Amino acid sequence: MEFEKSTLFNLAGSIEWSDNATVSKMIIKKQTGNITLFAFDAGQSLSEHSAPFDAFVMVTEGKGKIIINKTGYDLEAGQFIVMPANIPHAVQAQEKFKMMLVMIKGE
């Protein structure tokens, strides 16, 4: 279910943590791509995987580690990174953090 259009939202406040879990919430889902919010409790992760298109990740609250092709990048609120298509990546929460993932599919 997408967020209501023409409505103001607070990015970090639009998703809440859950104990010992990773929570995701779709903002927009289209054939051409999607925008998803994630809230990671400390110690949670997304296992290594790859996608056939570039993905933009922006940390909206706290700090998290994005691992791209076995190299770790520590990001904090306000910072972003682009994960390249077809390259293995993973996410680790060494503390609680929230992020926004934007994927735009290629041709």
N, C-alpha and C. Protein backbone atom coordinates (compact mmCIF):
# COMPACT_ATOMS: atom_id res chain seq x y z
N MET A 1 0.84 -1.19 0.00
CA MET A 1 0.00 0.00 0.00
C MET A 1 0.88 1.25 0.00
N GLU A 2 0.62 2.14 -0.92
CA GLU A 2 1.41 3.36 -1.03
C GLU A 2 0.93 4.42 -0.06
N PHE A 3 1.80 5.38 0.20
CA PHE A 3 1.44 6.53 1.02
C PHE A 3 0.44 7.39 0.25
N GLU A 4 -0.40 8.09 0.98
CA GLU A 4 -1.38 8.99 0.35
C GLU A 4 -0.66 10.13 -0.36
N LYS A 5 -1.12 10.46 -1.54
CA LYS A 5 -0.51 11.53 -2.33
C LYS A 5 -0.97 12.90 -1.83
N SER A 6 -0.18 13.92 -2.12
CA SER A 6 -0.47 15.32 -1.74
C SER A 6 -0.66 15.47 -0.23
N THR A 7 0.15 14.72 0.53
CA THR A 7 0.11 14.77 1.99
C THR A 7 1.54 14.90 2.49
N LEU A 8 1.76 15.74 3.50
CA LEU A 8 3.10 15.90 4.06
C LEU A 8 3.42 14.77 5.03
N PHE A 9 4.67 14.31 4.98
CA PHE A 9 5.14 13.27 5.89
C PHE A 9 6.52 13.66 6.41
N ASN A 10 6.84 13.18 7.59
CA ASN A 10 8.19 13.29 8.13
C ASN A 10 8.90 11.99 7.79
N LEU A 11 10.00 12.08 7.06
CA LEU A 11 10.65 10.89 6.54
C LEU A 11 11.02 9.89 7.64
N ALA A 12 11.79 10.31 8.62
CA ALA A 12 12.21 9.40 9.69
C ALA A 12 11.02 8.97 10.56
N GLY A 13 10.03 9.84 10.70
CA GLY A 13 8.87 9.53 11.54
C GLY A 13 7.81 8.67 10.86
N SER A 14 8.03 8.32 9.59
CA SER A 14 7.04 7.55 8.84
C SER A 14 7.18 6.04 9.01
N ILE A 15 8.19 5.63 9.77
CA ILE A 15 8.38 4.20 10.06
C ILE A 15 8.95 4.09 11.46
N GLU A 16 8.56 3.04 12.17
CA GLU A 16 9.02 2.84 13.55
C GLU A 16 9.79 1.54 13.67
N TRP A 17 10.70 1.50 14.64
CA TRP A 17 11.46 0.29 14.91
C TRP A 17 10.56 -0.74 15.58
N SER A 18 10.96 -2.00 15.44
CA SER A 18 10.34 -3.10 16.17
C SER A 18 11.48 -3.90 16.79
N ASP A 19 11.31 -4.33 18.03
CA ASP A 19 12.37 -5.06 18.72
C ASP A 19 12.81 -6.29 17.93
N ASN A 20 14.11 -6.45 17.78
CA ASN A 20 14.71 -7.62 17.13
C ASN A 20 14.18 -7.87 15.73
N ALA A 21 13.94 -6.80 14.98
CA ALA A 21 13.36 -6.95 13.64
C ALA A 21 13.83 -5.87 12.69
N THR A 22 13.61 -6.13 11.42
CA THR A 22 13.77 -5.14 10.37
C THR A 22 12.38 -4.89 9.81
N VAL A 23 11.97 -3.63 9.82
CA VAL A 23 10.64 -3.24 9.34
C VAL A 23 10.81 -2.51 8.02
N SER A 24 9.95 -2.81 7.05
CA SER A 24 9.97 -2.08 5.78
C SER A 24 8.57 -1.55 5.48
N LYS A 25 8.54 -0.42 4.79
CA LYS A 25 7.27 0.22 4.47
C LYS A 25 7.41 0.87 3.10
N MET A 26 6.57 0.44 2.16
CA MET A 26 6.62 0.94 0.79
C MET A 26 5.99 2.34 0.71
N ILE A 27 6.72 3.28 0.14
CA ILE A 27 6.17 4.62 -0.11
C ILE A 27 5.51 4.64 -1.49
N ILE A 28 6.26 4.19 -2.49
CA ILE A 28 5.76 4.13 -3.87
C ILE A 28 6.25 2.83 -4.49
N LYS A 29 5.38 2.15 -5.22
CA LYS A 29 5.76 0.95 -5.95
C LYS A 29 5.18 1.05 -7.36
N LYS A 30 6.07 1.09 -8.34
CA LYS A 30 5.69 1.18 -9.75
C LYS A 30 6.51 0.18 -10.55
N GLN A 31 6.11 -0.09 -11.78
CA GLN A 31 6.89 -0.97 -12.65
C GLN A 31 8.28 -0.40 -12.88
N THR A 32 8.40 0.91 -12.87
CA THR A 32 9.66 1.58 -13.16
C THR A 32 10.57 1.73 -11.95
N GLY A 33 10.12 1.35 -10.77
CA GLY A 33 10.94 1.42 -9.58
C GLY A 33 10.11 1.59 -8.33
N ASN A 34 10.78 1.73 -7.19
CA ASN A 34 10.05 1.90 -5.94
C ASN A 34 10.89 2.66 -4.92
N ILE A 35 10.19 3.14 -3.89
CA ILE A 35 10.82 3.82 -2.76
C ILE A 35 10.31 3.12 -1.51
N THR A 36 11.26 2.67 -0.68
CA THR A 36 10.91 1.92 0.51
C THR A 36 11.67 2.47 1.72
N LEU A 37 10.98 2.57 2.85
CA LEU A 37 11.62 2.93 4.11
C LEU A 37 11.94 1.67 4.88
N PHE A 38 13.05 1.68 5.60
CA PHE A 38 13.45 0.57 6.45
C PHE A 38 13.81 1.09 7.82
N ALA A 39 13.47 0.33 8.85
CA ALA A 39 13.89 0.60 10.23
C ALA A 39 14.52 -0.67 10.76
N PHE A 40 15.80 -0.59 11.12
CA PHE A 40 16.56 -1.74 11.60
C PHE A 40 16.79 -1.61 13.10
N ASP A 41 16.44 -2.63 13.85
CA ASP A 41 16.84 -2.66 15.25
C ASP A 41 18.33 -3.06 15.29
N ALA A 42 19.01 -2.70 16.34
CA ALA A 42 20.44 -3.04 16.48
C ALA A 42 20.63 -4.54 16.28
N GLY A 43 21.64 -4.90 15.50
CA GLY A 43 21.95 -6.30 15.27
C GLY A 43 21.23 -6.93 14.08
N GLN A 44 20.27 -6.22 13.50
CA GLN A 44 19.53 -6.75 12.36
C GLN A 44 20.30 -6.50 11.06
N SER A 45 19.94 -7.22 10.00
CA SER A 45 20.65 -7.05 8.73
C SER A 45 19.80 -7.50 7.55
N LEU A 46 20.24 -7.11 6.37
CA LEU A 46 19.74 -7.68 5.12
C LEU A 46 20.92 -8.43 4.53
N SER A 47 20.73 -9.71 4.25
CA SER A 47 21.84 -10.53 3.77
C SER A 47 22.29 -10.10 2.37
N GLU A 48 23.49 -10.52 2.03
CA GLU A 48 24.08 -10.13 0.76
C GLU A 48 23.21 -10.60 -0.41
N HIS A 49 23.00 -9.70 -1.35
CA HIS A 49 22.23 -9.98 -2.55
C HIS A 49 22.63 -8.96 -3.61
N SER A 50 22.09 -9.06 -4.80
CA SER A 50 22.34 -8.06 -5.84
C SER A 50 21.03 -7.77 -6.55
N ALA A 51 21.01 -6.67 -7.28
CA ALA A 51 19.82 -6.26 -8.03
C ALA A 51 20.28 -5.83 -9.43
N PRO A 52 19.41 -5.94 -10.41
CA PRO A 52 19.81 -5.62 -11.79
C PRO A 52 19.77 -4.13 -12.11
N PHE A 53 19.69 -3.26 -11.10
CA PHE A 53 19.68 -1.82 -11.32
C PHE A 53 20.30 -1.11 -10.13
N ASP A 54 20.76 0.12 -10.35
CA ASP A 54 21.35 0.92 -9.28
C ASP A 54 20.31 1.19 -8.19
N ALA A 55 20.78 1.36 -6.96
CA ALA A 55 19.89 1.66 -5.84
C ALA A 55 20.51 2.77 -4.99
N PHE A 56 19.71 3.76 -4.64
CA PHE A 56 20.10 4.90 -3.82
C PHE A 56 19.66 4.60 -2.39
N VAL A 57 20.59 4.69 -1.44
CA VAL A 57 20.27 4.47 -0.02
C VAL A 57 20.64 5.73 0.75
N MET A 58 19.68 6.26 1.52
CA MET A 58 19.92 7.43 2.36
C MET A 58 19.52 7.11 3.79
N VAL A 59 20.44 7.33 4.71
CA VAL A 59 20.14 7.12 6.13
C VAL A 59 19.37 8.33 6.63
N THR A 60 18.22 8.09 7.25
CA THR A 60 17.36 9.17 7.73
C THR A 60 17.44 9.37 9.24
N GLU A 61 17.93 8.34 9.95
CA GLU A 61 18.06 8.46 11.41
C GLU A 61 19.07 7.42 11.88
N GLY A 62 19.93 7.80 12.81
CA GLY A 62 20.92 6.88 13.36
C GLY A 62 22.08 6.64 12.42
N LYS A 63 22.70 5.47 12.57
CA LYS A 63 23.88 5.10 11.77
C LYS A 63 23.74 3.65 11.33
N GLY A 64 24.21 3.37 10.11
CA GLY A 64 24.15 2.01 9.59
C GLY A 64 25.35 1.71 8.72
N LYS A 65 25.56 0.44 8.44
CA LYS A 65 26.67 0.01 7.58
C LYS A 65 26.09 -0.60 6.31
N ILE A 66 26.53 -0.06 5.18
CA ILE A 66 26.18 -0.60 3.87
C ILE A 66 27.44 -1.28 3.33
N ILE A 67 27.31 -2.52 2.92
CA ILE A 67 28.45 -3.27 2.42
C ILE A 67 28.23 -3.51 0.92
N ILE A 68 29.18 -3.02 0.13
CA ILE A 68 29.10 -3.16 -1.33
C ILE A 68 30.35 -3.89 -1.80
N ASN A 69 30.14 -5.05 -2.39
CA ASN A 69 31.26 -5.84 -2.92
C ASN A 69 32.34 -6.05 -1.85
N LYS A 70 31.90 -6.42 -0.63
CA LYS A 70 32.76 -6.74 0.53
C LYS A 70 33.41 -5.52 1.19
N THR A 71 33.11 -4.29 0.73
CA THR A 71 33.64 -3.07 1.35
C THR A 71 32.54 -2.42 2.17
N GLY A 72 32.82 -2.13 3.45
CA GLY A 72 31.83 -1.53 4.34
C GLY A 72 31.89 -0.01 4.32
N TYR A 73 30.72 0.62 4.33
CA TYR A 73 30.59 2.07 4.37
C TYR A 73 29.69 2.43 5.55
N ASP A 74 30.21 3.19 6.50
CA ASP A 74 29.42 3.63 7.65
C ASP A 74 28.73 4.93 7.29
N LEU A 75 27.40 4.92 7.33
CA LEU A 75 26.60 6.09 7.00
C LEU A 75 25.84 6.56 8.22
N GLU A 76 25.63 7.86 8.31
CA GLU A 76 24.80 8.42 9.38
C GLU A 76 23.73 9.30 8.75
N ALA A 77 22.80 9.74 9.58
CA ALA A 77 21.65 10.52 9.10
C ALA A 77 22.09 11.64 8.18
N GLY A 78 21.44 11.72 7.02
CA GLY A 78 21.73 12.75 6.04
C GLY A 78 22.70 12.31 4.96
N GLN A 79 23.38 11.18 5.16
CA GLN A 79 24.32 10.70 4.15
C GLN A 79 23.66 9.65 3.26
N PHE A 80 24.16 9.55 2.01
CA PHE A 80 23.63 8.54 1.11
C PHE A 80 24.75 7.91 0.30
N ILE A 81 24.42 6.76 -0.32
CA ILE A 81 25.34 6.04 -1.18
C ILE A 81 24.52 5.41 -2.30
N VAL A 82 25.15 5.23 -3.46
CA VAL A 82 24.50 4.54 -4.57
C VAL A 82 25.14 3.16 -4.71
N MET A 83 24.31 2.14 -4.62
CA MET A 83 24.78 0.77 -4.79
C MET A 83 24.65 0.42 -6.27
N PRO A 84 25.75 0.03 -6.91
CA PRO A 84 25.70 -0.25 -8.35
C PRO A 84 24.97 -1.54 -8.69
N ALA A 85 24.38 -1.55 -9.86
CA ALA A 85 23.65 -2.72 -10.36
C ALA A 85 24.56 -3.94 -10.43
N ASN A 86 23.98 -5.09 -10.14
CA ASN A 86 24.63 -6.40 -10.30
C ASN A 86 25.87 -6.61 -9.44
N ILE A 87 26.05 -5.80 -8.40
CA ILE A 87 27.17 -5.96 -7.47
C ILE A 87 26.58 -6.39 -6.11
N PRO A 88 27.13 -7.42 -5.48
CA PRO A 88 26.60 -7.87 -4.19
C PRO A 88 26.66 -6.76 -3.13
N HIS A 89 25.59 -6.65 -2.36
CA HIS A 89 25.53 -5.66 -1.28
C HIS A 89 24.71 -6.23 -0.11
N ALA A 90 24.91 -5.64 1.06
CA ALA A 90 24.21 -6.06 2.27
C ALA A 90 24.08 -4.85 3.19
N VAL A 91 23.26 -4.99 4.22
CA VAL A 91 23.05 -3.92 5.21
C VAL A 91 23.20 -4.53 6.60
N GLN A 92 23.93 -3.83 7.48
CA GLN A 92 24.08 -4.27 8.86
C GLN A 92 23.76 -3.13 9.81
N ALA A 93 23.00 -3.44 10.84
CA ALA A 93 22.66 -2.44 11.86
C ALA A 93 23.48 -2.71 13.11
N GLN A 94 24.53 -1.94 13.29
CA GLN A 94 25.32 -2.08 14.51
C GLN A 94 24.66 -1.32 15.65
N GLU A 95 23.73 -0.43 15.30
CA GLU A 95 22.84 0.25 16.24
C GLU A 95 21.54 0.50 15.47
N LYS A 96 20.51 0.97 16.15
CA LYS A 96 19.25 1.26 15.47
C LYS A 96 19.46 2.32 14.39
N PHE A 97 18.86 2.10 13.23
CA PHE A 97 18.88 3.15 12.22
C PHE A 97 17.74 2.96 11.23
N LYS A 98 17.47 4.05 10.51
CA LYS A 98 16.42 4.06 9.49
C LYS A 98 17.03 4.52 8.18
N MET A 99 16.51 3.98 7.08
CA MET A 99 17.02 4.38 5.77
C MET A 99 15.90 4.38 4.74
N MET A 100 16.14 5.12 3.67
CA MET A 100 15.24 5.14 2.53
C MET A 100 15.98 4.51 1.35
N LEU A 101 15.33 3.58 0.67
CA LEU A 101 15.89 2.91 -0.49
C LEU A 101 15.09 3.34 -1.72
N VAL A 102 15.79 3.85 -2.73
CA VAL A 102 15.15 4.24 -3.99
C VAL A 102 15.76 3.41 -5.11
N MET A 103 14.93 2.63 -5.78
CA MET A 103 15.39 1.83 -6.90
C MET A 103 14.64 2.27 -8.15
N ILE A 104 15.39 2.63 -9.18
CA ILE A 104 14.81 3.03 -10.45
C ILE A 104 15.28 2.02 -11.48
N LYS A 105 14.34 1.32 -12.06
CA LYS A 105 14.68 0.26 -12.99
C LYS A 105 15.12 0.83 -14.33
N GLY A 106 16.12 0.19 -14.92
CA GLY A 106 16.63 0.61 -16.23
C GLY A 106 15.77 0.05 -17.36
N GLU A 107 16.22 0.34 -18.54
CA GLU A 107 15.48 -0.11 -19.73
C GLU A 107 15.70 -1.56 -20.01
